[in-house]
Amino acid sequence: MINTFVFSNNFNLSSYFFKILSYYIKKEYKESTKQIIINIKNDNFKKLIEYFNPEKITYESVLFYTKESEPLKEITKSDYFILLFDNITDLLNELNNLKQRDLEILNNFVNSKNFKKQNKYSANEVENLIKTIEQDNFDSEKFIYYNTNLEELINSLALIYFKKSLFIVDSNINTNSNNLININLFRTLFIPINIINELIDLEESEFIEFFNEFSLNYLIPNNTSLSKNNFIEFLVNLIINNILKYWVIFYTGNKKEVKAYLITKGKTVLDASYKIHTDIGRNFISALVCNINNLNDSKFPPFESYGKNYIVKDHDYLSIKTNS
């Protein structure tokens, strides 16, 4: 499960965000809702379920939760966080605050006695991270790389600016286009949450009418059949897919149970074995691996055998051989 902390200084914005999630999973929404769990479903997992027709299916999931108190503490301890903003000015101000905070922490760390004693991270690695933050010289791939290879450092120092995150601005992007020049927004979504909150209470015909009137077509793929359910499903999956950029999903399965697991990108099959069960990790010998992307016509693709250093790929199916 990915623990995702959701926060906004605007209580209504957080509340409306949870209302949208609640609508997606057809759960009765109440203003007191503080957390919602959404199972991760995809076509590859569906293929595996259809192949085995198991007695039990175990999904991985994303837990969205919020707390009004101690947001800083919750952000630093969560796997991922989402910040909601009323407008782009608030977003940019907060990004700058977080950036300066992380730079101060990193510079103090590099100059501390603890840094000179530890051998895990080189001065060059940390200084490159500092330069990257100072210059905003990163794209999504570089961001994922640092969150994989320096994840322990980011968590131990309670860094926020560079932590796995998504920023959502309560706005239609078209109304802010003049403000977006030279801003790195690869982890930002412009979603008019307040408007959508009103729309999902409408009847279907009215929903479509006002959806078009507010020019929200940029939020859905071309050629998508527009309906209230389709739109909310796409919107929630857009958010979940942004979260999943930092993880891979892998599977185990048989006729008894088909199970999905999440693991940070760049991890080995040995790490995955420990995720399945501690004893499997301890007694690991090798792994038979195929990728469910290639499961067609109810036929598994050829398996390949790998040792403990194999890097797990998205949608790998694993069969672990142990010495017990």
C-alpha atoms as a PDB file:
ATOM      1  CA  MET A   1       0.000   0.000   0.000  1.00  0.00           C
ATOM      2  CA  ILE A   2       1.176   3.521  -0.812  1.00  0.00           C
ATOM      3  CA  ASN A   3       0.381   5.882   2.060  1.00  0.00           C
ATOM      4  CA  THR A   4      -0.495   9.181   0.394  1.00  0.00           C
ATOM      5  CA  PHE A   5      -1.020  12.256   2.541  1.00  0.00           C
ATOM      6  CA  VAL A   6      -3.371  14.882   1.080  1.00  0.00           C
ATOM      7  CA  PHE A   7      -3.336  18.408   2.450  1.00  0.00           C
ATOM      8  CA  SER A   8      -4.559  21.903   1.701  1.00  0.00           C
ATOM      9  CA  ASN A   9      -4.767  25.087   3.737  1.00  0.00           C
ATOM     10  CA  ASN A  10      -8.270  25.317   2.305  1.00  0.00           C
ATOM     11  CA  PHE A  11     -10.324  22.748   4.202  1.00  0.00           C
ATOM     12  CA  ASN A  12     -13.066  22.760   1.532  1.00  0.00           C
ATOM     13  CA  LEU A  13     -10.543  21.856  -1.160  1.00  0.00           C
ATOM     14  CA  SER A  14      -9.412  18.766   0.754  1.00  0.00           C
ATOM     15  CA  SER A  15     -13.021  17.859   1.428  1.00  0.00           C
ATOM     16  CA  TYR A  16     -13.994  18.169  -2.252  1.00  0.00           C
ATOM     17  CA  PHE A  17     -10.974  16.099  -3.301  1.00  0.00           C
ATOM     18  CA  PHE A  18     -12.125  13.263  -1.050  1.00  0.00           C
ATOM     19  CA  LYS A  19     -15.648  13.619  -2.388  1.00  0.00           C
ATOM     20  CA  ILE A  20     -14.327  12.970  -5.923  1.00  0.00           C
ATOM     21  CA  LEU A  21     -12.396   9.897  -4.719  1.00  0.00           C
ATOM     22  CA  SER A  22     -15.476   8.721  -2.860  1.00  0.00           C
ATOM     23  CA  TYR A  23     -17.618   9.057  -5.981  1.00  0.00           C
ATOM     24  CA  TYR A  24     -15.066   6.979  -7.933  1.00  0.00           C
ATOM     25  CA  ILE A  25     -15.357   4.014  -5.579  1.00  0.00           C
ATOM     26  CA  LYS A  26     -19.124   4.538  -5.133  1.00  0.00           C
ATOM     27  CA  LYS A  27     -18.695   5.098  -1.414  1.00  0.00           C
ATOM     28  CA  GLU A  28     -21.082   7.295   0.528  1.00  0.00           C
ATOM     29  CA  TYR A  29     -19.321  10.586   1.040  1.00  0.00           C
ATOM     30  CA  LYS A  30     -19.381  12.313   4.397  1.00  0.00           C
ATOM     31  CA  GLU A  31     -17.597  15.521   5.301  1.00  0.00           C
ATOM     32  CA  SER A  32     -15.877  13.692   8.129  1.00  0.00           C
ATOM     33  CA  THR A  33     -14.172  11.303   5.680  1.00  0.00           C
ATOM     34  CA  LYS A  34     -10.478  11.279   6.539  1.00  0.00           C
ATOM     35  CA  GLN A  35      -9.223   8.409   4.408  1.00  0.00           C
ATOM     36  CA  ILE A  36     -10.126   6.409   1.313  1.00  0.00           C
ATOM     37  CA  ILE A  37      -8.441   3.279  -0.030  1.00  0.00           C
ATOM     38  CA  ILE A  38      -8.427   2.670  -3.792  1.00  0.00           C
ATOM     39  CA  ASN A  39      -7.332  -0.676  -5.229  1.00  0.00           C
ATOM     40  CA  ILE A  40      -4.943  -0.558  -8.178  1.00  0.00           C
ATOM     41  CA  LYS A  41      -6.579  -2.308 -11.117  1.00  0.00           C
ATOM     42  CA  ASN A  42      -5.093  -2.710 -14.576  1.00  0.00           C
ATOM     43  CA  ASP A  43      -5.482  -4.800 -17.704  1.00  0.00           C
ATOM     44  CA  ASN A  44      -2.398  -6.927 -16.988  1.00  0.00           C
ATOM     45  CA  PHE A  45      -3.660  -7.965 -13.575  1.00  0.00           C
ATOM     46  CA  LYS A  46      -7.024  -8.708 -15.146  1.00  0.00           C
ATOM     47  CA  LYS A  47      -5.315 -11.042 -17.659  1.00  0.00           C
ATOM     48  CA  LEU A  48      -3.620 -12.899 -14.817  1.00  0.00           C
ATOM     49  CA  ILE A  49      -6.895 -13.219 -12.899  1.00  0.00           C
ATOM     50  CA  GLU A  50      -8.645 -14.579 -16.006  1.00  0.00           C
ATOM     51  CA  TYR A  51      -5.822 -17.082 -16.562  1.00  0.00           C
ATOM     52  CA  PHE A  52      -5.860 -18.585 -13.052  1.00  0.00           C
ATOM     53  CA  ASN A  53      -9.485 -17.898 -12.063  1.00  0.00           C
ATOM     54  CA  PRO A  54      -8.262 -17.927  -8.442  1.00  0.00           C
ATOM     55  CA  GLU A  55     -10.200 -18.450  -5.217  1.00  0.00           C
ATOM     56  CA  LYS A  56      -8.754 -15.189  -3.852  1.00  0.00           C
ATOM     57  CA  ILE A  57      -7.544 -11.918  -5.394  1.00  0.00           C
ATOM     58  CA  THR A  58      -5.314  -9.537  -3.427  1.00  0.00           C
ATOM     59  CA  TYR A  59      -4.881  -6.053  -4.844  1.00  0.00           C
ATOM     60  CA  GLU A  60      -2.262  -3.495  -3.986  1.00  0.00           C
ATOM     61  CA  SER A  61      -3.756  -0.131  -3.142  1.00  0.00           C
ATOM     62  CA  VAL A  62      -3.276   3.570  -2.507  1.00  0.00           C
ATOM     63  CA  LEU A  63      -4.400   4.981   0.828  1.00  0.00           C
ATOM     64  CA  PHE A  64      -5.382   8.650   0.599  1.00  0.00           C
ATOM     65  CA  TYR A  65      -5.610  10.294   4.006  1.00  0.00           C
ATOM     66  CA  THR A  66      -5.622  13.762   5.514  1.00  0.00           C
ATOM     67  CA  LYS A  67      -5.111  15.391   8.930  1.00  0.00           C
ATOM     68  CA  GLU A  68      -5.543  19.037   9.826  1.00  0.00           C
ATOM     69  CA  SER A  69      -2.830  18.916  12.505  1.00  0.00           C
ATOM     70  CA  GLU A  70       0.912  18.386  11.965  1.00  0.00           C
ATOM     71  CA  PRO A  71       0.904  18.378   8.142  1.00  0.00           C
ATOM     72  CA  LEU A  72       4.705  18.740   7.994  1.00  0.00           C
ATOM     73  CA  LYS A  73       5.156  15.586  10.067  1.00  0.00           C
ATOM     74  CA  GLU A  74       2.639  13.662   7.946  1.00  0.00           C
ATOM     75  CA  ILE A  75       4.295  14.764   4.687  1.00  0.00           C
ATOM     76  CA  THR A  76       7.746  13.617   5.787  1.00  0.00           C
ATOM     77  CA  LYS A  77       6.564  10.213   7.033  1.00  0.00           C
ATOM     78  CA  SER A  78       4.215   9.367   4.125  1.00  0.00           C
ATOM     79  CA  ASP A  79       5.291   7.373   1.045  1.00  0.00           C
ATOM     80  CA  TYR A  80       3.940  10.141  -1.162  1.00  0.00           C
ATOM     81  CA  PHE A  81       2.088  13.387  -0.652  1.00  0.00           C
ATOM     82  CA  ILE A  82      -0.386  15.553  -2.559  1.00  0.00           C
ATOM     83  CA  LEU A  83      -0.711  19.265  -1.860  1.00  0.00           C
ATOM     84  CA  LEU A  84      -3.825  21.092  -3.075  1.00  0.00           C
ATOM     85  CA  PHE A  85      -3.698  24.822  -3.886  1.00  0.00           C
ATOM     86  CA  ASP A  86      -6.353  27.443  -4.620  1.00  0.00           C
ATOM     87  CA  ASN A  87      -4.210  29.140  -7.277  1.00  0.00           C
ATOM     88  CA  ILE A  88      -0.818  29.084  -8.949  1.00  0.00           C
ATOM     89  CA  THR A  89       0.536  31.961  -6.845  1.00  0.00           C
ATOM     90  CA  ASP A  90       0.070  29.918  -3.673  1.00  0.00           C
ATOM     91  CA  LEU A  91       1.710  26.926  -5.378  1.00  0.00           C
ATOM     92  CA  LEU A  92       4.794  28.902  -6.444  1.00  0.00           C
ATOM     93  CA  ASN A  93       5.181  30.507  -3.018  1.00  0.00           C
ATOM     94  CA  GLU A  94       4.984  27.150  -1.278  1.00  0.00           C
ATOM     95  CA  LEU A  95       7.397  25.512  -3.737  1.00  0.00           C
ATOM     96  CA  ASN A  96       9.929  28.238  -3.057  1.00  0.00           C
ATOM     97  CA  ASN A  97       9.506  27.799   0.716  1.00  0.00           C
ATOM     98  CA  LEU A  98      10.001  24.035   0.456  1.00  0.00           C
ATOM     99  CA  LYS A  99      12.979  24.479  -1.842  1.00  0.00           C
ATOM    100  CA  GLN A 100      14.771  26.859   0.543  1.00  0.00           C
ATOM    101  CA  ARG A 101      14.001  24.545   3.473  1.00  0.00           C
ATOM    102  CA  ASP A 102      15.531  21.501   1.745  1.00  0.00           C
ATOM    103  CA  LEU A 103      18.592  23.440   0.576  1.00  0.00           C
ATOM    104  CA  GLU A 104      19.278  24.607   4.119  1.00  0.00           C
ATOM    105  CA  ILE A 105      18.945  21.045   5.470  1.00  0.00           C
ATOM    106  CA  LEU A 106      21.216  19.596   2.751  1.00  0.00           C
ATOM    107  CA  ASN A 107      23.900  22.262   3.122  1.00  0.00           C
ATOM    108  CA  ASN A 108      23.933  21.775   6.901  1.00  0.00           C
ATOM    109  CA  PHE A 109      24.166  18.011   6.368  1.00  0.00           C
ATOM    110  CA  VAL A 110      27.128  18.263   3.958  1.00  0.00           C
ATOM    111  CA  ASN A 111      29.019  20.461   6.421  1.00  0.00           C
ATOM    112  CA  SER A 112      28.229  18.343   9.491  1.00  0.00           C
ATOM    113  CA  LYS A 113      30.494  15.870  11.298  1.00  0.00           C
ATOM    114  CA  ASN A 114      27.908  13.133  10.704  1.00  0.00           C
ATOM    115  CA  PHE A 115      28.312  13.507   6.944  1.00  0.00           C
ATOM    116  CA  LYS A 116      32.096  13.150   7.160  1.00  0.00           C
ATOM    117  CA  LYS A 117      31.694   9.961   9.241  1.00  0.00           C
ATOM    118  CA  GLN A 118      29.117   8.236   7.043  1.00  0.00           C
ATOM    119  CA  ASN A 119      30.183   6.395   3.888  1.00  0.00           C
ATOM    120  CA  LYS A 120      26.815   5.660   2.261  1.00  0.00           C
ATOM    121  CA  TYR A 121      26.556   8.835   0.178  1.00  0.00           C
ATOM    122  CA  SER A 122      29.457  10.629  -1.480  1.00  0.00           C
ATOM    123  CA  ALA A 123      29.861  14.403  -1.222  1.00  0.00           C
ATOM    124  CA  ASN A 124      29.548  14.481  -5.010  1.00  0.00           C
ATOM    125  CA  GLU A 125      26.117  12.787  -4.956  1.00  0.00           C
ATOM    126  CA  VAL A 126      24.702  15.161  -2.362  1.00  0.00           C
ATOM    127  CA  GLU A 127      26.252  18.227  -3.997  1.00  0.00           C
ATOM    128  CA  ASN A 128      24.713  17.169  -7.334  1.00  0.00           C
ATOM    129  CA  LEU A 129      21.345  16.924  -5.591  1.00  0.00           C
ATOM    130  CA  ILE A 130      21.834  20.429  -4.160  1.00  0.00           C
ATOM    131  CA  LYS A 131      22.756  21.785  -7.610  1.00  0.00           C
ATOM    132  CA  THR A 132      19.753  20.089  -9.179  1.00  0.00           C
ATOM    133  CA  ILE A 133      17.405  21.696  -6.645  1.00  0.00           C
ATOM    134  CA  GLU A 134      19.063  25.131  -6.895  1.00  0.00           C
ATOM    135  CA  GLN A 135      18.813  25.194 -10.691  1.00  0.00           C
ATOM    136  CA  ASP A 136      15.489  23.318 -10.941  1.00  0.00           C
ATOM    137  CA  ASN A 137      17.482  21.234 -13.397  1.00  0.00           C
ATOM    138  CA  PHE A 138      15.415  18.080 -13.356  1.00  0.00           C
ATOM    139  CA  ASP A 139      12.805  16.268 -15.368  1.00  0.00           C
ATOM    140  CA  SER A 140      10.585  13.411 -14.250  1.00  0.00           C
ATOM    141  CA  GLU A 141      13.231  10.750 -14.990  1.00  0.00           C
ATOM    142  CA  LYS A 142      15.901  12.512 -12.953  1.00  0.00           C
ATOM    143  CA  PHE A 143      13.394  13.084 -10.164  1.00  0.00           C
ATOM    144  CA  ILE A 144      12.535   9.369 -10.102  1.00  0.00           C
ATOM    145  CA  TYR A 145      16.236   8.467 -10.190  1.00  0.00           C
ATOM    146  CA  TYR A 146      17.015  10.525  -7.082  1.00  0.00           C
ATOM    147  CA  ASN A 147      13.938   9.224  -5.250  1.00  0.00           C
ATOM    148  CA  THR A 148      15.123   5.671  -5.955  1.00  0.00           C
ATOM    149  CA  ASN A 149      18.852   5.996  -5.312  1.00  0.00           C
ATOM    150  CA  LEU A 150      18.774   8.606  -2.539  1.00  0.00           C
ATOM    151  CA  GLU A 151      15.434   7.582  -1.030  1.00  0.00           C
ATOM    152  CA  GLU A 152      16.949   6.737   2.365  1.00  0.00           C
ATOM    153  CA  LEU A 153      18.702  10.117   2.501  1.00  0.00           C
ATOM    154  CA  ILE A 154      15.552  12.033   1.480  1.00  0.00           C
ATOM    155  CA  ASN A 155      13.547  10.263   4.191  1.00  0.00           C
ATOM    156  CA  SER A 156      16.190  10.446   6.924  1.00  0.00           C
ATOM    157  CA  LEU A 157      16.634  14.203   6.431  1.00  0.00           C
ATOM    158  CA  ALA A 158      12.854  14.708   6.128  1.00  0.00           C
ATOM    159  CA  LEU A 159      13.265  16.508   2.789  1.00  0.00           C
ATOM    160  CA  ILE A 160      10.018  17.661   1.193  1.00  0.00           C
ATOM    161  CA  TYR A 161      10.718  19.620  -1.993  1.00  0.00           C
ATOM    162  CA  PHE A 162      12.386  16.624  -3.607  1.00  0.00           C
ATOM    163  CA  LYS A 163      10.203  13.897  -2.091  1.00  0.00           C
ATOM    164  CA  LYS A 164       7.742  11.886  -4.175  1.00  0.00           C
ATOM    165  CA  SER A 165       4.834  14.282  -4.573  1.00  0.00           C
ATOM    166  CA  LEU A 166       2.098  15.785  -6.706  1.00  0.00           C
ATOM    167  CA  PHE A 167       0.732  19.349  -6.638  1.00  0.00           C
ATOM    168  CA  ILE A 168      -2.840  20.003  -7.744  1.00  0.00           C
ATOM    169  CA  VAL A 169      -4.026  23.547  -8.458  1.00  0.00           C
ATOM    170  CA  ASP A 170      -7.752  24.234  -8.303  1.00  0.00           C
ATOM    171  CA  SER A 171      -7.831  25.835 -11.726  1.00  0.00           C
ATOM    172  CA  ASN A 172      -8.455  25.323 -15.382  1.00  0.00           C
ATOM    173  CA  ILE A 173      -4.956  25.481 -16.912  1.00  0.00           C
ATOM    174  CA  ASN A 174      -6.208  27.666 -19.763  1.00  0.00           C
ATOM    175  CA  THR A 175      -6.894  30.516 -17.359  1.00  0.00           C
ATOM    176  CA  ASN A 176      -3.294  30.518 -16.094  1.00  0.00           C
ATOM    177  CA  SER A 177      -1.298  29.991 -19.266  1.00  0.00           C
ATOM    178  CA  ASN A 178       0.453  33.387 -19.016  1.00  0.00           C
ATOM    179  CA  ASN A 179       1.849  32.452 -15.607  1.00  0.00           C
ATOM    180  CA  LEU A 180       3.422  29.149 -16.639  1.00  0.00           C
ATOM    181  CA  ILE A 181       6.519  30.432 -18.455  1.00  0.00           C
ATOM    182  CA  ASN A 182       9.807  28.942 -17.174  1.00  0.00           C
ATOM    183  CA  ILE A 183       8.070  26.951 -14.439  1.00  0.00           C
ATOM    184  CA  ASN A 184       8.905  23.265 -14.105  1.00  0.00           C
ATOM    185  CA  LEU A 185       5.455  21.720 -13.691  1.00  0.00           C
ATOM    186  CA  PHE A 186       6.009  18.054 -14.485  1.00  0.00           C
ATOM    187  CA  ARG A 187       4.528  17.069 -11.094  1.00  0.00           C
ATOM    188  CA  THR A 188       1.640  19.560 -11.206  1.00  0.00           C
ATOM    189  CA  LEU A 189      -1.937  19.011 -12.368  1.00  0.00           C
ATOM    190  CA  PHE A 190      -4.475  21.774 -13.012  1.00  0.00           C
ATOM    191  CA  ILE A 191      -7.836  20.398 -11.968  1.00  0.00           C
ATOM    192  CA  PRO A 192     -10.779  22.700 -11.104  1.00  0.00           C
ATOM    193  CA  ILE A 193     -11.795  20.743  -8.019  1.00  0.00           C
ATOM    194  CA  ASN A 194     -14.484  23.190  -6.897  1.00  0.00           C
ATOM    195  CA  ILE A 195     -16.218  23.068 -10.278  1.00  0.00           C
ATOM    196  CA  ILE A 196     -16.001  19.281 -10.516  1.00  0.00           C
ATOM    197  CA  ASN A 197     -17.395  19.007  -7.003  1.00  0.00           C
ATOM    198  CA  GLU A 198     -20.497  20.862  -8.210  1.00  0.00           C
ATOM    199  CA  LEU A 199     -20.744  18.947 -11.494  1.00  0.00           C
ATOM    200  CA  ILE A 200     -20.821  15.459 -10.003  1.00  0.00           C
ATOM    201  CA  ASP A 201     -24.008  16.344  -8.134  1.00  0.00           C
ATOM    202  CA  LEU A 202     -25.804  17.039 -11.439  1.00  0.00           C
ATOM    203  CA  GLU A 203     -27.834  14.687 -13.573  1.00  0.00           C
ATOM    204  CA  GLU A 204     -25.941  13.161 -16.491  1.00  0.00           C
ATOM    205  CA  SER A 205     -27.296  15.509 -19.190  1.00  0.00           C
ATOM    206  CA  GLU A 206     -26.612  18.600 -17.082  1.00  0.00           C
ATOM    207  CA  PHE A 207     -23.152  17.302 -16.209  1.00  0.00           C
ATOM    208  CA  ILE A 208     -22.200  17.027 -19.898  1.00  0.00           C
ATOM    209  CA  GLU A 209     -23.676  20.442 -20.691  1.00  0.00           C
ATOM    210  CA  PHE A 210     -21.741  22.256 -17.953  1.00  0.00           C
ATOM    211  CA  PHE A 211     -18.595  20.174 -18.525  1.00  0.00           C
ATOM    212  CA  ASN A 212     -18.475  21.552 -22.073  1.00  0.00           C
ATOM    213  CA  GLU A 213     -19.421  25.042 -20.952  1.00  0.00           C
ATOM    214  CA  PHE A 214     -16.458  25.127 -18.548  1.00  0.00           C
ATOM    215  CA  SER A 215     -14.109  23.844 -21.310  1.00  0.00           C
ATOM    216  CA  LEU A 216     -12.854  20.871 -19.320  1.00  0.00           C
ATOM    217  CA  ASN A 217     -12.119  18.704 -22.365  1.00  0.00           C
ATOM    218  CA  TYR A 218      -8.370  19.019 -21.761  1.00  0.00           C
ATOM    219  CA  LEU A 219      -8.872  16.710 -18.756  1.00  0.00           C
ATOM    220  CA  ILE A 220      -9.954  13.703 -20.845  1.00  0.00           C
ATOM    221  CA  PRO A 221      -8.242  11.804 -23.698  1.00  0.00           C
ATOM    222  CA  ASN A 222      -9.334  12.459 -27.264  1.00  0.00           C
ATOM    223  CA  ASN A 223     -12.167  10.257 -28.537  1.00  0.00           C
ATOM    224  CA  THR A 224     -13.240   9.340 -24.994  1.00  0.00           C
ATOM    225  CA  SER A 225     -16.961   8.888 -24.592  1.00  0.00           C
ATOM    226  CA  LEU A 226     -17.954  11.605 -22.135  1.00  0.00           C
ATOM    227  CA  SER A 227     -20.010  10.576 -19.139  1.00  0.00           C
ATOM    228  CA  LYS A 228     -19.809  11.459 -15.474  1.00  0.00           C
ATOM    229  CA  ASN A 229     -18.492   8.005 -14.528  1.00  0.00           C
ATOM    230  CA  ASN A 230     -15.933   7.911 -17.346  1.00  0.00           C
ATOM    231  CA  PHE A 231     -14.650  11.355 -16.493  1.00  0.00           C
ATOM    232  CA  ILE A 232     -14.206  10.695 -12.756  1.00  0.00           C
ATOM    233  CA  GLU A 233     -12.601   7.314 -13.495  1.00  0.00           C
ATOM    234  CA  PHE A 234     -10.107   8.956 -15.846  1.00  0.00           C
ATOM    235  CA  LEU A 235      -9.398  11.760 -13.390  1.00  0.00           C
ATOM    236  CA  VAL A 236      -8.707   9.428 -10.452  1.00  0.00           C
ATOM    237  CA  ASN A 237      -6.566   7.143 -12.634  1.00  0.00           C
ATOM    238  CA  LEU A 238      -4.612  10.202 -13.794  1.00  0.00           C
ATOM    239  CA  ILE A 239      -3.767  10.929 -10.142  1.00  0.00           C
ATOM    240  CA  ILE A 240      -2.970   7.281  -9.348  1.00  0.00           C
ATOM    241  CA  ASN A 241      -0.738   6.948 -12.432  1.00  0.00           C
ATOM    242  CA  ASN A 242       1.222  10.010 -11.291  1.00  0.00           C
ATOM    243  CA  ILE A 243       1.744   8.286  -7.945  1.00  0.00           C
ATOM    244  CA  LEU A 244       2.789   5.002  -9.582  1.00  0.00           C
ATOM    245  CA  LYS A 245       5.615   6.679 -11.556  1.00  0.00           C
ATOM    246  CA  TYR A 246       7.876   5.862  -8.609  1.00  0.00           C
ATOM    247  CA  TRP A 247       6.887   2.219  -8.149  1.00  0.00           C
ATOM    248  CA  VAL A 248       6.647  -0.941 -10.205  1.00  0.00           C
ATOM    249  CA  ILE A 249       3.888  -3.470  -9.709  1.00  0.00           C
ATOM    250  CA  PHE A 250       4.693  -7.192  -9.836  1.00  0.00           C
ATOM    251  CA  TYR A 251       2.611 -10.328  -9.372  1.00  0.00           C
ATOM    252  CA  THR A 252       2.548 -13.843  -8.009  1.00  0.00           C
ATOM    253  CA  GLY A 253      -0.259 -16.266  -8.590  1.00  0.00           C
ATOM    254  CA  ASN A 254      -1.817 -19.697  -8.821  1.00  0.00           C
ATOM    255  CA  LYS A 255      -5.330 -21.118  -8.678  1.00  0.00           C
ATOM    256  CA  LYS A 256      -5.483 -20.426  -4.943  1.00  0.00           C
ATOM    257  CA  GLU A 257      -4.533 -16.730  -4.967  1.00  0.00           C
ATOM    258  CA  VAL A 258      -3.396 -14.072  -7.415  1.00  0.00           C
ATOM    259  CA  LYS A 259      -1.601 -11.219  -5.718  1.00  0.00           C
ATOM    260  CA  ALA A 260      -0.169  -7.825  -6.732  1.00  0.00           C
ATOM    261  CA  TYR A 261       2.741  -6.112  -4.984  1.00  0.00           C
ATOM    262  CA  LEU A 262       4.309  -2.652  -5.175  1.00  0.00           C
ATOM    263  CA  ILE A 263       8.028  -2.021  -4.908  1.00  0.00           C
ATOM    264  CA  THR A 264      10.128   1.100  -5.483  1.00  0.00           C
ATOM    265  CA  LYS A 265      11.665   1.368  -8.961  1.00  0.00           C
ATOM    266  CA  GLY A 266      15.191   0.010  -9.229  1.00  0.00           C
ATOM    267  CA  LYS A 267      14.754  -2.736  -6.610  1.00  0.00           C
ATOM    268  CA  THR A 268      15.980  -6.294  -7.164  1.00  0.00           C
ATOM    269  CA  VAL A 269      14.114  -9.574  -7.255  1.00  0.00           C
ATOM    270  CA  LEU A 270      15.664 -10.334  -3.846  1.00  0.00           C
ATOM    271  CA  ASP A 271      13.992  -7.184  -2.468  1.00  0.00           C
ATOM    272  CA  ALA A 272      10.753  -8.364  -4.075  1.00  0.00           C
ATOM    273  CA  SER A 273      11.151 -11.796  -2.438  1.00  0.00           C
ATOM    274  CA  TYR A 274      11.362 -10.191   0.995  1.00  0.00           C
ATOM    275  CA  LYS A 275       8.251  -8.197   0.099  1.00  0.00           C
ATOM    276  CA  ILE A 276       6.379 -11.452  -0.644  1.00  0.00           C
ATOM    277  CA  HIS A 277       7.539 -13.068   2.617  1.00  0.00           C
ATOM    278  CA  THR A 278      10.574 -12.720   4.868  1.00  0.00           C
ATOM    279  CA  ASP A 279      11.306 -16.470   4.719  1.00  0.00           C
ATOM    280  CA  ILE A 280      11.204 -16.422   0.910  1.00  0.00           C
ATOM    281  CA  GLY A 281      13.767 -13.624   0.900  1.00  0.00           C
ATOM    282  CA  ARG A 282      16.019 -15.390   3.411  1.00  0.00           C
ATOM    283  CA  ASN A 283      15.956 -18.663   1.470  1.00  0.00           C
ATOM    284  CA  PHE A 284      16.071 -17.170  -2.050  1.00  0.00           C
ATOM    285  CA  ILE A 285      17.903 -19.215  -4.720  1.00  0.00           C
ATOM    286  CA  SER A 286      16.584 -17.888  -8.041  1.00  0.00           C
ATOM    287  CA  ALA A 287      13.502 -16.457  -9.729  1.00  0.00           C
ATOM    288  CA  LEU A 288      11.585 -17.505 -12.804  1.00  0.00           C
ATOM    289  CA  VAL A 289      10.322 -14.323 -14.464  1.00  0.00           C
ATOM    290  CA  CYS A 290       8.019 -13.380 -17.309  1.00  0.00           C
ATOM    291  CA  ASN A 291       6.206 -10.151 -18.050  1.00  0.00           C
ATOM    292  CA  ILE A 292       2.414 -10.128 -18.083  1.00  0.00           C
ATOM    293  CA  ASN A 293       2.461  -7.555 -20.904  1.00  0.00           C
ATOM    294  CA  ASN A 294       3.290 -10.585 -23.058  1.00  0.00           C
ATOM    295  CA  LEU A 295       0.555 -12.883 -21.752  1.00  0.00           C
ATOM    296  CA  ASN A 296      -1.693 -13.381 -24.786  1.00  0.00           C
ATOM    297  CA  ASP A 297      -4.465 -15.839 -25.622  1.00  0.00           C
ATOM    298  CA  SER A 298      -4.209 -17.318 -22.124  1.00  0.00           C
ATOM    299  CA  LYS A 299      -0.617 -18.413 -22.763  1.00  0.00           C
ATOM    300  CA  PHE A 300       2.266 -17.440 -20.541  1.00  0.00           C
ATOM    301  CA  PRO A 301       5.332 -16.077 -22.340  1.00  0.00           C
ATOM    302  CA  PRO A 302       8.601 -18.012 -21.853  1.00  0.00           C
ATOM    303  CA  PHE A 303      10.066 -17.763 -18.355  1.00  0.00           C
ATOM    304  CA  GLU A 304      13.680 -16.784 -17.771  1.00  0.00           C
ATOM    305  CA  SER A 305      15.714 -17.646 -14.697  1.00  0.00           C
ATOM    306  CA  TYR A 306      17.497 -14.852 -12.805  1.00  0.00           C
ATOM    307  CA  GLY A 307      19.657 -14.482  -9.725  1.00  0.00           C
ATOM    308  CA  LYS A 308      19.150 -12.062  -6.865  1.00  0.00           C
ATOM    309  CA  ASN A 309      20.448  -8.965  -8.723  1.00  0.00           C
ATOM    310  CA  TYR A 310      17.747  -8.912 -11.414  1.00  0.00           C
ATOM    311  CA  ILE A 311      15.926  -5.529 -11.395  1.00  0.00           C
ATOM    312  CA  VAL A 312      12.171  -6.058 -11.219  1.00  0.00           C
ATOM    313  CA  LYS A 313      10.237  -4.508 -14.117  1.00  0.00           C
ATOM    314  CA  ASP A 314       6.686  -3.202 -14.174  1.00  0.00           C
ATOM    315  CA  HIS A 315       4.161  -6.073 -14.537  1.00  0.00           C
ATOM    316  CA  ASP A 316       6.690  -8.879 -13.972  1.00  0.00           C
ATOM    317  CA  TYR A 317       5.283 -12.202 -12.800  1.00  0.00           C
ATOM    318  CA  LEU A 318       7.615 -13.913 -10.325  1.00  0.00           C
ATOM    319  CA  SER A 319       7.966 -17.552  -9.294  1.00  0.00           C
ATOM    320  CA  ILE A 320      10.611 -17.762  -6.574  1.00  0.00           C
ATOM    321  CA  LYS A 321      12.725 -20.862  -5.957  1.00  0.00           C
ATOM    322  CA  THR A 322      13.941 -21.271  -2.354  1.00  0.00           C
ATOM    323  CA  ASN A 323      16.069 -23.780  -0.443  1.00  0.00           C
ATOM    324  CA  SER A 324      13.262 -24.681   1.945  1.00  0.00           C
END
